[in-house]
C-alpha atoms as a PDB file:
ATOM      1  CA  MET A   1      20.029  -1.174  44.812  1.00  0.00           C
ATOM      2  CA  GLN A   2      22.170   1.412  43.049  1.00  0.00           C
ATOM      3  CA  PHE A   3      19.462   4.041  43.529  1.00  0.00           C
ATOM      4  CA  ASN A   4      19.444   3.393  47.284  1.00  0.00           C
ATOM      5  CA  THR A   5      23.229   3.169  47.655  1.00  0.00           C
ATOM      6  CA  ASP A   6      23.588   6.469  45.779  1.00  0.00           C
ATOM      7  CA  TRP A   7      21.022   8.072  48.088  1.00  0.00           C
ATOM      8  CA  ILE A   8      22.834   6.826  51.218  1.00  0.00           C
ATOM      9  CA  THR A   9      26.266   7.942  50.039  1.00  0.00           C
ATOM     10  CA  ASP A  10      24.937  11.321  48.840  1.00  0.00           C
ATOM     11  CA  ASN A  11      23.359  11.974  52.242  1.00  0.00           C
ATOM     12  CA  PHE A  12      25.818  10.285  54.608  1.00  0.00           C
ATOM     13  CA  GLY A  13      29.072   9.727  52.732  1.00  0.00           C
ATOM     14  CA  HIS A  14      29.331   5.949  52.996  1.00  0.00           C
ATOM     15  CA  LEU A  15      27.452   2.693  53.388  1.00  0.00           C
ATOM     16  CA  GLU A  16      27.476   0.878  56.725  1.00  0.00           C
ATOM     17  CA  ALA A  17      27.952  -2.839  57.403  1.00  0.00           C
ATOM     18  CA  ASP A  18      24.195  -3.346  57.810  1.00  0.00           C
ATOM     19  CA  ASP A  19      23.576  -1.803  54.387  1.00  0.00           C
ATOM     20  CA  PHE A  20      25.893  -4.358  52.788  1.00  0.00           C
ATOM     21  CA  ARG A  21      24.194  -7.200  54.715  1.00  0.00           C
ATOM     22  CA  THR A  22      20.775  -6.035  53.553  1.00  0.00           C
ATOM     23  CA  PHE A  23      21.797  -5.559  49.924  1.00  0.00           C
ATOM     24  CA  ASP A  24      23.585  -8.929  49.865  1.00  0.00           C
ATOM     25  CA  ALA A  25      20.473 -10.657  51.217  1.00  0.00           C
ATOM     26  CA  ILE A  26      17.845  -8.746  49.250  1.00  0.00           C
ATOM     27  CA  ASP A  27      16.761 -11.664  47.040  1.00  0.00           C
ATOM     28  CA  GLN A  28      16.362 -13.941  50.060  1.00  0.00           C
ATOM     29  CA  MET A  29      14.467 -11.255  51.966  1.00  0.00           C
ATOM     30  CA  VAL A  30      11.990 -10.899  49.098  1.00  0.00           C
ATOM     31  CA  GLU A  31      11.617 -14.694  48.886  1.00  0.00           C
ATOM     32  CA  ASP A  32      10.871 -14.626  52.632  1.00  0.00           C
ATOM     33  CA  GLY A  33       8.103 -12.040  52.192  1.00  0.00           C
ATOM     34  CA  ALA A  34       9.745  -8.621  52.031  1.00  0.00           C
ATOM     35  CA  MET A  35       8.422  -6.188  49.460  1.00  0.00           C
ATOM     36  CA  ILE A  36      10.129  -3.328  47.646  1.00  0.00           C
ATOM     37  CA  TYR A  37       8.128  -0.552  46.003  1.00  0.00           C
ATOM     38  CA  PHE A  38       9.323   1.875  43.339  1.00  0.00           C
ATOM     39  CA  ALA A  39       7.711   5.022  41.988  1.00  0.00           C
ATOM     40  CA  VAL A  40       8.736   5.360  38.342  1.00  0.00           C
ATOM     41  CA  GLU A  41       7.912   8.079  35.828  1.00  0.00           C
ATOM     42  CA  SER A  42       9.089   8.075  32.212  1.00  0.00           C
ATOM     43  CA  GLY A  43      11.532   5.291  33.052  1.00  0.00           C
ATOM     44  CA  GLU A  44      13.138   7.233  35.903  1.00  0.00           C
ATOM     45  CA  VAL A  45      12.964   6.031  39.521  1.00  0.00           C
ATOM     46  CA  LEU A  46      11.525   8.773  41.723  1.00  0.00           C
ATOM     47  CA  ALA A  47      11.451   6.908  45.040  1.00  0.00           C
ATOM     48  CA  THR A  48      11.698   3.505  46.668  1.00  0.00           C
ATOM     49  CA  CYS A  49      10.779   1.914  49.990  1.00  0.00           C
ATOM     50  CA  MET A  50      11.097  -1.594  51.398  1.00  0.00           C
ATOM     51  CA  THR A  51       9.348  -3.414  54.212  1.00  0.00           C
ATOM     52  CA  HIS A  52      10.337  -6.736  55.737  1.00  0.00           C
ATOM     53  CA  TRP A  53       9.367  -8.957  58.649  1.00  0.00           C
ATOM     54  CA  MET A  54      11.603  -8.699  61.718  1.00  0.00           C
ATOM     55  CA  GLU A  55      10.100 -10.864  64.473  1.00  0.00           C
ATOM     56  CA  GLY A  56       6.698 -11.620  65.953  1.00  0.00           C
ATOM     57  CA  ASP A  57       4.281  -9.161  64.369  1.00  0.00           C
ATOM     58  CA  THR A  58       6.942  -6.464  63.856  1.00  0.00           C
ATOM     59  CA  TRP A  59       7.929  -5.347  60.374  1.00  0.00           C
ATOM     60  CA  GLU A  60      10.631  -2.845  59.500  1.00  0.00           C
ATOM     61  CA  MET A  61      10.102   0.018  57.088  1.00  0.00           C
ATOM     62  CA  CYS A  62      13.461   0.678  55.453  1.00  0.00           C
ATOM     63  CA  LYS A  63      15.474   1.859  52.481  1.00  0.00           C
ATOM     64  CA  LEU A  64      13.177   4.830  51.789  1.00  0.00           C
ATOM     65  CA  ALA A  65      14.980   6.987  49.233  1.00  0.00           C
ATOM     66  CA  SER A  66      14.001   9.672  46.762  1.00  0.00           C
ATOM     67  CA  ASN A  67      15.508  11.082  43.602  1.00  0.00           C
ATOM     68  CA  LYS A  68      17.293  14.342  44.390  1.00  0.00           C
ATOM     69  CA  HIS A  69      17.126  15.411  40.729  1.00  0.00           C
ATOM     70  CA  VAL A  70      13.330  15.365  40.529  1.00  0.00           C
ATOM     71  CA  PRO A  71      11.079  17.829  42.363  1.00  0.00           C
ATOM     72  CA  HIS A  72       8.997  16.335  45.131  1.00  0.00           C
ATOM     73  CA  LYS A  73       5.896  14.832  43.549  1.00  0.00           C
ATOM     74  CA  GLY A  74       4.643  12.735  46.455  1.00  0.00           C
ATOM     75  CA  ALA A  75       6.535   9.676  45.227  1.00  0.00           C
ATOM     76  CA  GLY A  76       8.208   9.015  48.591  1.00  0.00           C
ATOM     77  CA  SER A  77       4.880   9.203  50.347  1.00  0.00           C
ATOM     78  CA  ALA A  78       3.286   6.867  47.792  1.00  0.00           C
ATOM     79  CA  VAL A  79       5.915   4.123  48.091  1.00  0.00           C
ATOM     80  CA  PHE A  80       5.956   4.458  51.879  1.00  0.00           C
ATOM     81  CA  GLN A  81       2.171   4.082  52.067  1.00  0.00           C
ATOM     82  CA  ALA A  82       2.247   1.070  49.725  1.00  0.00           C
ATOM     83  CA  ALA A  83       4.930  -0.627  51.848  1.00  0.00           C
ATOM     84  CA  MET A  84       2.931   0.088  55.016  1.00  0.00           C
ATOM     85  CA  GLN A  85      -0.222  -1.394  53.517  1.00  0.00           C
ATOM     86  CA  TYR A  86       1.675  -4.488  52.382  1.00  0.00           C
ATOM     87  CA  ALA A  87       3.141  -5.107  55.835  1.00  0.00           C
ATOM     88  CA  ILE A  88      -0.235  -4.659  57.526  1.00  0.00           C
ATOM     89  CA  ALA A  89      -1.932  -6.963  55.001  1.00  0.00           C
ATOM     90  CA  HIS A  90       0.718  -9.571  55.839  1.00  0.00           C
ATOM     91  CA  GLY A  91       0.125  -9.507  59.585  1.00  0.00           C
ATOM     92  CA  ALA A  92       2.109  -6.553  60.907  1.00  0.00           C
ATOM     93  CA  GLY A  93       0.885  -5.344  64.276  1.00  0.00           C
ATOM     94  CA  ARG A  94       3.792  -2.948  64.650  1.00  0.00           C
ATOM     95  CA  LEU A  95       5.890  -1.127  62.072  1.00  0.00           C
ATOM     96  CA  PHE A  96       9.332   0.116  63.062  1.00  0.00           C
ATOM     97  CA  MET A  97      12.113   2.180  61.526  1.00  0.00           C
ATOM     98  CA  ILE A  98      15.390   3.895  62.302  1.00  0.00           C
ATOM     99  CA  SER A  99      16.149   7.170  60.548  1.00  0.00           C
ATOM    100  CA  ASN A 100      18.149  10.363  60.842  1.00  0.00           C
ATOM    101  CA  SER A 101      16.799  13.632  62.213  1.00  0.00           C
ATOM    102  CA  ARG A 102      18.355  15.593  59.297  1.00  0.00           C
ATOM    103  CA  LEU A 103      15.965  13.946  56.833  1.00  0.00           C
ATOM    104  CA  LYS A 104      13.079  16.390  57.313  1.00  0.00           C
ATOM    105  CA  PRO A 105      11.004  15.278  54.281  1.00  0.00           C
ATOM    106  CA  ALA A 106      11.181  11.640  55.451  1.00  0.00           C
ATOM    107  CA  LEU A 107      10.280  12.574  59.031  1.00  0.00           C
ATOM    108  CA  HIS A 108       7.252  14.412  57.657  1.00  0.00           C
ATOM    109  CA  ILE A 109       6.150  11.251  55.823  1.00  0.00           C
ATOM    110  CA  TYR A 110       6.492   9.122  58.965  1.00  0.00           C
ATOM    111  CA  GLU A 111       4.430  11.551  61.019  1.00  0.00           C
ATOM    112  CA  LYS A 112       1.869  11.911  58.212  1.00  0.00           C
ATOM    113  CA  TYR A 113       1.162   8.176  58.452  1.00  0.00           C
ATOM    114  CA  GLY A 114       0.864   8.126  62.242  1.00  0.00           C
ATOM    115  CA  PHE A 115       4.333   6.987  63.296  1.00  0.00           C
ATOM    116  CA  GLN A 116       5.467   8.080  66.754  1.00  0.00           C
ATOM    117  CA  GLU A 117       9.039   8.648  67.856  1.00  0.00           C
ATOM    118  CA  VAL A 118      10.473   6.037  70.238  1.00  0.00           C
ATOM    119  CA  LYS A 119      13.726   6.249  72.176  1.00  0.00           C
ATOM    120  CA  LEU A 120      16.303   3.488  71.780  1.00  0.00           C
ATOM    121  CA  ASP A 121      19.489   2.680  73.669  1.00  0.00           C
ATOM    122  CA  ASP A 122      21.166   1.626  70.413  1.00  0.00           C
ATOM    123  CA  TYR A 123      20.198   3.005  67.007  1.00  0.00           C
ATOM    124  CA  GLU A 124      22.150   0.237  65.203  1.00  0.00           C
ATOM    125  CA  TYR A 125      23.501   2.562  62.502  1.00  0.00           C
ATOM    126  CA  GLU A 126      26.107   5.314  62.656  1.00  0.00           C
ATOM    127  CA  ARG A 127      23.659   7.555  60.823  1.00  0.00           C
ATOM    128  CA  GLY A 128      20.645   6.486  62.897  1.00  0.00           C
ATOM    129  CA  ASP A 129      19.667   8.953  65.600  1.00  0.00           C
ATOM    130  CA  ILE A 130      15.885   8.692  65.674  1.00  0.00           C
ATOM    131  CA  ALA A 131      13.415   5.791  65.621  1.00  0.00           C
ATOM    132  CA  PHE A 132       9.703   5.556  64.956  1.00  0.00           C
ATOM    133  CA  GLU A 133       6.972   2.996  65.382  1.00  0.00           C
ATOM    134  CA  TYR A 134       3.397   2.613  64.273  1.00  0.00           C
ATOM    135  CA  VAL A 135       1.088   0.308  66.191  1.00  0.00           C
ATOM    136  CA  VAL A 136      -1.605  -1.025  63.889  1.00  0.00           C
ATOM    137  CA  PRO A 137      -5.099  -0.334  65.271  1.00  0.00           C
ATOM    138  CA  ARG A 138      -7.041  -3.527  65.837  1.00  0.00           C
END
C-alpha cells in the first residue's frame, strides 16, 4: 500500500476518502476475489495494479502505479494486462476505471488494451476526470 499511497501523493498531493476506504478494506477485498499484481525486479517494486468485482459482471481496474525512479520497462503494462486477464477469467464482462487525463503513460496502456473513454456525470474522485471501459468480447 505504501507504494501506491506514495504514487498518489506524488502525483496529486493527497489521498482521498475513497483511497482510505480501499486501503482499509484491502484484505477483505482480496478475500472476496480481488487480485493485486506487482512487477518486481531485484527486490524493487516497479509497478502494481489491482482489479476487483463491483457489481453484476463489472470489475474495476484500479490502483495502477509505477515507480518514478525506474525507467519505463513495460512493468505497468504487464501488471495491467495480468489484472485484466484475471478479471476476465473470473467472469468480467465489462472492465471499468476512473483516471486522470494528466497520466499520459497510463492512458496509453488503457488504449493499448482496447479500453474506450466513457463520459460520466460524477467521476467519484477529486482527481478523476476521465473514465474508461472495456467490454469483453463474447
